[in-house]
Each structure stands twice: as C-alpha cells, then as structure tokens.
Amino acid sequence: MRYSIMLQLVTGIALILVASAALFAWLQYRPSSEQGSNSENKNVETWIANS
C-alpha cells in the first residue's frame, strides 16, 4: 500500500474520532432548557452505571 493512501486512511480515521469526541462533548455539556432534562440525565447515568 502506498504511503499516501495510508496517510489518507489515518487522517480520515483521526477526523472521524475527533468529530465524534466533539459531538459527545457537546451532548454532555450543552445547557438544558427543558424541565424534565434532569430526570432524563439521571436515567441515562443510571443506565450507564448499571451496564
């Protein structure tokens, strides 16, 4: 395999990982404006802790 193809693969995978990390961080730290969001967050946290 050529180095340019390998470099494109590594760059693509790195971009996907960085984008998914940024999306996850945004989902975790976005301000909640709904009333029921606290109970939803606790449900998710309970589900993650039990899995």
PDB file of N, CA and C in Angstrom:
ATOM      1  N   MET A   1       0.836  -1.182   0.000  1.00  0.00           N
ATOM      2  CA  MET A   1       0.000   0.000   0.000  1.00  0.00           C
ATOM      3  C   MET A   1       0.878   1.242   0.000  1.00  0.00           C
ATOM      4  N   ARG A   2       0.476   2.216  -0.756  1.00  0.00           N
ATOM      5  CA  ARG A   2       1.267   3.440  -0.822  1.00  0.00           C
ATOM      6  C   ARG A   2       1.130   4.253   0.458  1.00  0.00           C
ATOM      7  N   TYR A   3       2.132   5.082   0.686  1.00  0.00           N
ATOM      8  CA  TYR A   3       2.101   5.915   1.880  1.00  0.00           C
ATOM      9  C   TYR A   3       1.015   6.970   1.802  1.00  0.00           C
ATOM     10  N   SER A   4       0.713   7.473   0.624  1.00  0.00           N
ATOM     11  CA  SER A   4      -0.327   8.499   0.512  1.00  0.00           C
ATOM     12  C   SER A   4      -1.700   7.921   0.861  1.00  0.00           C
ATOM     13  N   ILE A   5      -1.950   6.676   0.458  1.00  0.00           N
ATOM     14  CA  ILE A   5      -3.223   6.042   0.802  1.00  0.00           C
ATOM     15  C   ILE A   5      -3.285   5.784   2.304  1.00  0.00           C
ATOM     16  N   MET A   6      -2.171   5.340   2.868  1.00  0.00           N
ATOM     17  CA  MET A   6      -2.129   5.109   4.313  1.00  0.00           C
ATOM     18  C   MET A   6      -2.328   6.417   5.067  1.00  0.00           C
ATOM     19  N   LEU A   7      -1.733   7.488   4.585  1.00  0.00           N
ATOM     20  CA  LEU A   7      -1.883   8.793   5.225  1.00  0.00           C
ATOM     21  C   LEU A   7      -3.328   9.269   5.155  1.00  0.00           C
ATOM     22  N   GLN A   8      -3.985   9.039   4.023  1.00  0.00           N
ATOM     23  CA  GLN A   8      -5.390   9.414   3.897  1.00  0.00           C
ATOM     24  C   GLN A   8      -6.265   8.600   4.834  1.00  0.00           C
ATOM     25  N   LEU A   9      -5.968   7.308   4.973  1.00  0.00           N
ATOM     26  CA  LEU A   9      -6.722   6.468   5.909  1.00  0.00           C
ATOM     27  C   LEU A   9      -6.558   6.939   7.344  1.00  0.00           C
ATOM     28  N   VAL A  10      -5.335   7.200   7.746  1.00  0.00           N
ATOM     29  CA  VAL A  10      -5.064   7.649   9.114  1.00  0.00           C
ATOM     30  C   VAL A  10      -5.716   9.003   9.363  1.00  0.00           C
ATOM     31  N   THR A  11      -5.638   9.908   8.395  1.00  0.00           N
ATOM     32  CA  THR A  11      -6.251  11.226   8.544  1.00  0.00           C
ATOM     33  C   THR A  11      -7.768  11.112   8.632  1.00  0.00           C
ATOM     34  N   GLY A  12      -8.358  10.276   7.791  1.00  0.00           N
ATOM     35  CA  GLY A  12      -9.805  10.093   7.830  1.00  0.00           C
ATOM     36  C   GLY A  12     -10.275   9.511   9.141  1.00  0.00           C
ATOM     37  N   ILE A  13      -9.576   8.494   9.641  1.00  0.00           N
ATOM     38  CA  ILE A  13      -9.950   7.884  10.915  1.00  0.00           C
ATOM     39  C   ILE A  13      -9.780   8.888  12.049  1.00  0.00           C
ATOM     40  N   ALA A  14      -8.695   9.655  12.019  1.00  0.00           N
ATOM     41  CA  ALA A  14      -8.474  10.657  13.067  1.00  0.00           C
ATOM     42  C   ALA A  14      -9.560  11.727  13.044  1.00  0.00           C
ATOM     43  N   LEU A  15      -9.970  12.163  11.861  1.00  0.00           N
ATOM     44  CA  LEU A  15     -11.032  13.165  11.762  1.00  0.00           C
ATOM     45  C   LEU A  15     -12.359  12.624  12.284  1.00  0.00           C
ATOM     46  N   ILE A  16     -12.650  11.372  11.984  1.00  0.00           N
ATOM     47  CA  ILE A  16     -13.881  10.761  12.486  1.00  0.00           C
ATOM     48  C   ILE A  16     -13.856  10.688  14.012  1.00  0.00           C
ATOM     49  N   LEU A  17     -12.728  10.285  14.574  1.00  0.00           N
ATOM     50  CA  LEU A  17     -12.623  10.195  16.030  1.00  0.00           C
ATOM     51  C   LEU A  17     -12.734  11.563  16.692  1.00  0.00           C
ATOM     52  N   VAL A  18     -12.095  12.573  16.115  1.00  0.00           N
ATOM     53  CA  VAL A  18     -12.164  13.923  16.688  1.00  0.00           C
ATOM     54  C   VAL A  18     -13.580  14.473  16.583  1.00  0.00           C
ATOM     55  N   ALA A  19     -14.230  14.250  15.448  1.00  0.00           N
ATOM     56  CA  ALA A  19     -15.605  14.732  15.282  1.00  0.00           C
ATOM     57  C   ALA A  19     -16.556  14.044  16.254  1.00  0.00           C
ATOM     58  N   SER A  20     -16.396  12.744  16.452  1.00  0.00           N
ATOM     59  CA  SER A  20     -17.281  12.048  17.392  1.00  0.00           C
ATOM     60  C   SER A  20     -16.997  12.483  18.831  1.00  0.00           C
ATOM     61  N   ALA A  21     -15.750  12.759  19.170  1.00  0.00           N
ATOM     62  CA  ALA A  21     -15.433  13.255  20.508  1.00  0.00           C
ATOM     63  C   ALA A  21     -16.035  14.643  20.722  1.00  0.00           C
ATOM     64  N   ALA A  22     -15.979  15.489  19.699  1.00  0.00           N
ATOM     65  CA  ALA A  22     -16.565  16.820  19.812  1.00  0.00           C
ATOM     66  C   ALA A  22     -18.079  16.745  19.952  1.00  0.00           C
ATOM     67  N   LEU A  23     -18.708  15.852  19.210  1.00  0.00           N
ATOM     68  CA  LEU A  23     -20.152  15.679  19.317  1.00  0.00           C
ATOM     69  C   LEU A  23     -20.533  15.167  20.704  1.00  0.00           C
ATOM     70  N   PHE A  24     -19.783  14.209  21.217  1.00  0.00           N
ATOM     71  CA  PHE A  24     -20.058  13.676  22.546  1.00  0.00           C
ATOM     72  C   PHE A  24     -19.888  14.752  23.607  1.00  0.00           C
ATOM     73  N   ALA A  25     -18.833  15.561  23.495  1.00  0.00           N
ATOM     74  CA  ALA A  25     -18.607  16.637  24.459  1.00  0.00           C
ATOM     75  C   ALA A  25     -19.730  17.664  24.392  1.00  0.00           C
ATOM     76  N   TRP A  26     -20.187  17.985  23.188  1.00  0.00           N
ATOM     77  CA  TRP A  26     -21.296  18.933  23.046  1.00  0.00           C
ATOM     78  C   TRP A  26     -22.565  18.373  23.664  1.00  0.00           C
ATOM     79  N   LEU A  27     -22.830  17.092  23.462  1.00  0.00           N
ATOM     80  CA  LEU A  27     -24.022  16.481  24.050  1.00  0.00           C
ATOM     81  C   LEU A  27     -23.946  16.461  25.572  1.00  0.00           C
ATOM     82  N   GLN A  28     -22.760  16.276  26.120  1.00  0.00           N
ATOM     83  CA  GLN A  28     -22.611  16.204  27.569  1.00  0.00           C
ATOM     84  C   GLN A  28     -22.755  17.567  28.233  1.00  0.00           C
ATOM     85  N   TYR A  29     -22.236  18.612  27.603  1.00  0.00           N
ATOM     86  CA  TYR A  29     -22.131  19.909  28.258  1.00  0.00           C
ATOM     87  C   TYR A  29     -23.062  20.974  27.702  1.00  0.00           C
ATOM     88  N   ARG A  30     -24.010  20.605  26.860  1.00  0.00           N
ATOM     89  CA  ARG A  30     -24.939  21.608  26.353  1.00  0.00           C
ATOM     90  C   ARG A  30     -25.899  22.029  27.460  1.00  0.00           C
ATOM     91  N   PRO A  31     -26.280  23.291  27.473  1.00  0.00           N
ATOM     92  CA  PRO A  31     -27.203  23.739  28.518  1.00  0.00           C
ATOM     93  C   PRO A  31     -28.589  23.145  28.319  1.00  0.00           C
ATOM     94  N   SER A  32     -29.196  22.731  29.403  1.00  0.00           N
ATOM     95  CA  SER A  32     -30.520  22.127  29.312  1.00  0.00           C
ATOM     96  C   SER A  32     -31.566  23.190  29.604  1.00  0.00           C
ATOM     97  N   SER A  33     -32.571  23.286  28.735  1.00  0.00           N
ATOM     98  CA  SER A  33     -33.608  24.289  28.906  1.00  0.00           C
ATOM     99  C   SER A  33     -34.961  23.669  29.230  1.00  0.00           C
ATOM    100  N   GLU A  34     -35.042  22.337  29.234  1.00  0.00           N
ATOM    101  CA  GLU A  34     -36.310  21.670  29.497  1.00  0.00           C
ATOM    102  C   GLU A  34     -36.415  21.299  30.969  1.00  0.00           C
ATOM    103  N   GLN A  35     -37.640  21.157  31.446  1.00  0.00           N
ATOM    104  CA  GLN A  35     -37.864  20.812  32.844  1.00  0.00           C
ATOM    105  C   GLN A  35     -37.457  19.372  33.135  1.00  0.00           C
ATOM    106  N   GLY A  36     -37.779  18.450  32.256  1.00  0.00           N
ATOM    107  CA  GLY A  36     -37.545  17.045  32.521  1.00  0.00           C
ATOM    108  C   GLY A  36     -36.151  16.566  32.198  1.00  0.00           C
ATOM    109  N   SER A  37     -35.249  17.472  31.873  1.00  0.00           N
ATOM    110  CA  SER A  37     -33.920  17.038  31.434  1.00  0.00           C
ATOM    111  C   SER A  37     -33.101  16.448  32.584  1.00  0.00           C
ATOM    112  N   ASN A  38     -33.304  16.931  33.797  1.00  0.00           N
ATOM    113  CA  ASN A  38     -32.538  16.394  34.921  1.00  0.00           C
ATOM    114  C   ASN A  38     -32.896  14.935  35.172  1.00  0.00           C
ATOM    115  N   SER A  39     -34.171  14.606  35.129  1.00  0.00           N
ATOM    116  CA  SER A  39     -34.556  13.215  35.343  1.00  0.00           C
ATOM    117  C   SER A  39     -34.070  12.348  34.190  1.00  0.00           C
ATOM    118  N   GLU A  40     -34.076  12.901  32.967  1.00  0.00           N
ATOM    119  CA  GLU A  40     -33.560  12.139  31.827  1.00  0.00           C
ATOM    120  C   GLU A  40     -32.075  11.888  31.995  1.00  0.00           C
ATOM    121  N   ASN A  41     -31.334  12.884  32.452  1.00  0.00           N
ATOM    122  CA  ASN A  41     -29.895  12.709  32.663  1.00  0.00           C
ATOM    123  C   ASN A  41     -29.635  11.665  33.739  1.00  0.00           C
ATOM    124  N   LYS A  42     -30.431  11.677  34.803  1.00  0.00           N
ATOM    125  CA  LYS A  42     -30.229  10.684  35.859  1.00  0.00           C
ATOM    126  C   LYS A  42     -30.553   9.291  35.353  1.00  0.00           C
ATOM    127  N   ASN A  43     -31.570   9.163  34.501  1.00  0.00           N
ATOM    128  CA  ASN A  43     -31.887   7.858  33.922  1.00  0.00           C
ATOM    129  C   ASN A  43     -30.743   7.341  33.071  1.00  0.00           C
ATOM    130  N   VAL A  44     -30.149   8.231  32.266  1.00  0.00           N
ATOM    131  CA  VAL A  44     -29.029   7.836  31.416  1.00  0.00           C
ATOM    132  C   VAL A  44     -27.828   7.456  32.277  1.00  0.00           C
ATOM    133  N   GLU A  45     -27.555   8.255  33.302  1.00  0.00           N
ATOM    134  CA  GLU A  45     -26.419   7.956  34.170  1.00  0.00           C
ATOM    135  C   GLU A  45     -26.619   6.626  34.901  1.00  0.00           C
ATOM    136  N   THR A  46     -27.836   6.342  35.337  1.00  0.00           N
ATOM    137  CA  THR A  46     -28.131   5.057  35.984  1.00  0.00           C
ATOM    138  C   THR A  46     -27.942   3.915  35.019  1.00  0.00           C
ATOM    139  N   TRP A  47     -28.388   4.107  33.777  1.00  0.00           N
ATOM    140  CA  TRP A  47     -28.258   3.060  32.772  1.00  0.00           C
ATOM    141  C   TRP A  47     -26.785   2.791  32.473  1.00  0.00           C
ATOM    142  N   ILE A  48     -25.974   3.869  32.387  1.00  0.00           N
ATOM    143  CA  ILE A  48     -24.545   3.690  32.100  1.00  0.00           C
ATOM    144  C   ILE A  48     -23.861   2.995  33.291  1.00  0.00           C
ATOM    145  N   ALA A  49     -24.220   3.382  34.518  1.00  0.00           N
ATOM    146  CA  ALA A  49     -23.589   2.783  35.688  1.00  0.00           C
ATOM    147  C   ALA A  49     -23.940   1.304  35.832  1.00  0.00           C
ATOM    148  N   ASN A  50     -25.148   0.924  35.406  1.00  0.00           N
ATOM    149  CA  ASN A  50     -25.565  -0.465  35.555  1.00  0.00           C
ATOM    150  C   ASN A  50     -25.086  -1.356  34.426  1.00  0.00           C
ATOM    151  N   SER A  51     -24.614  -0.781  33.349  1.00  0.00           N
ATOM    152  CA  SER A  51     -24.178  -1.629  32.223  1.00  0.00           C
ATOM    153  C   SER A  51     -22.731  -2.031  32.334  1.00  0.00           C
TER     154      SER A  51
END
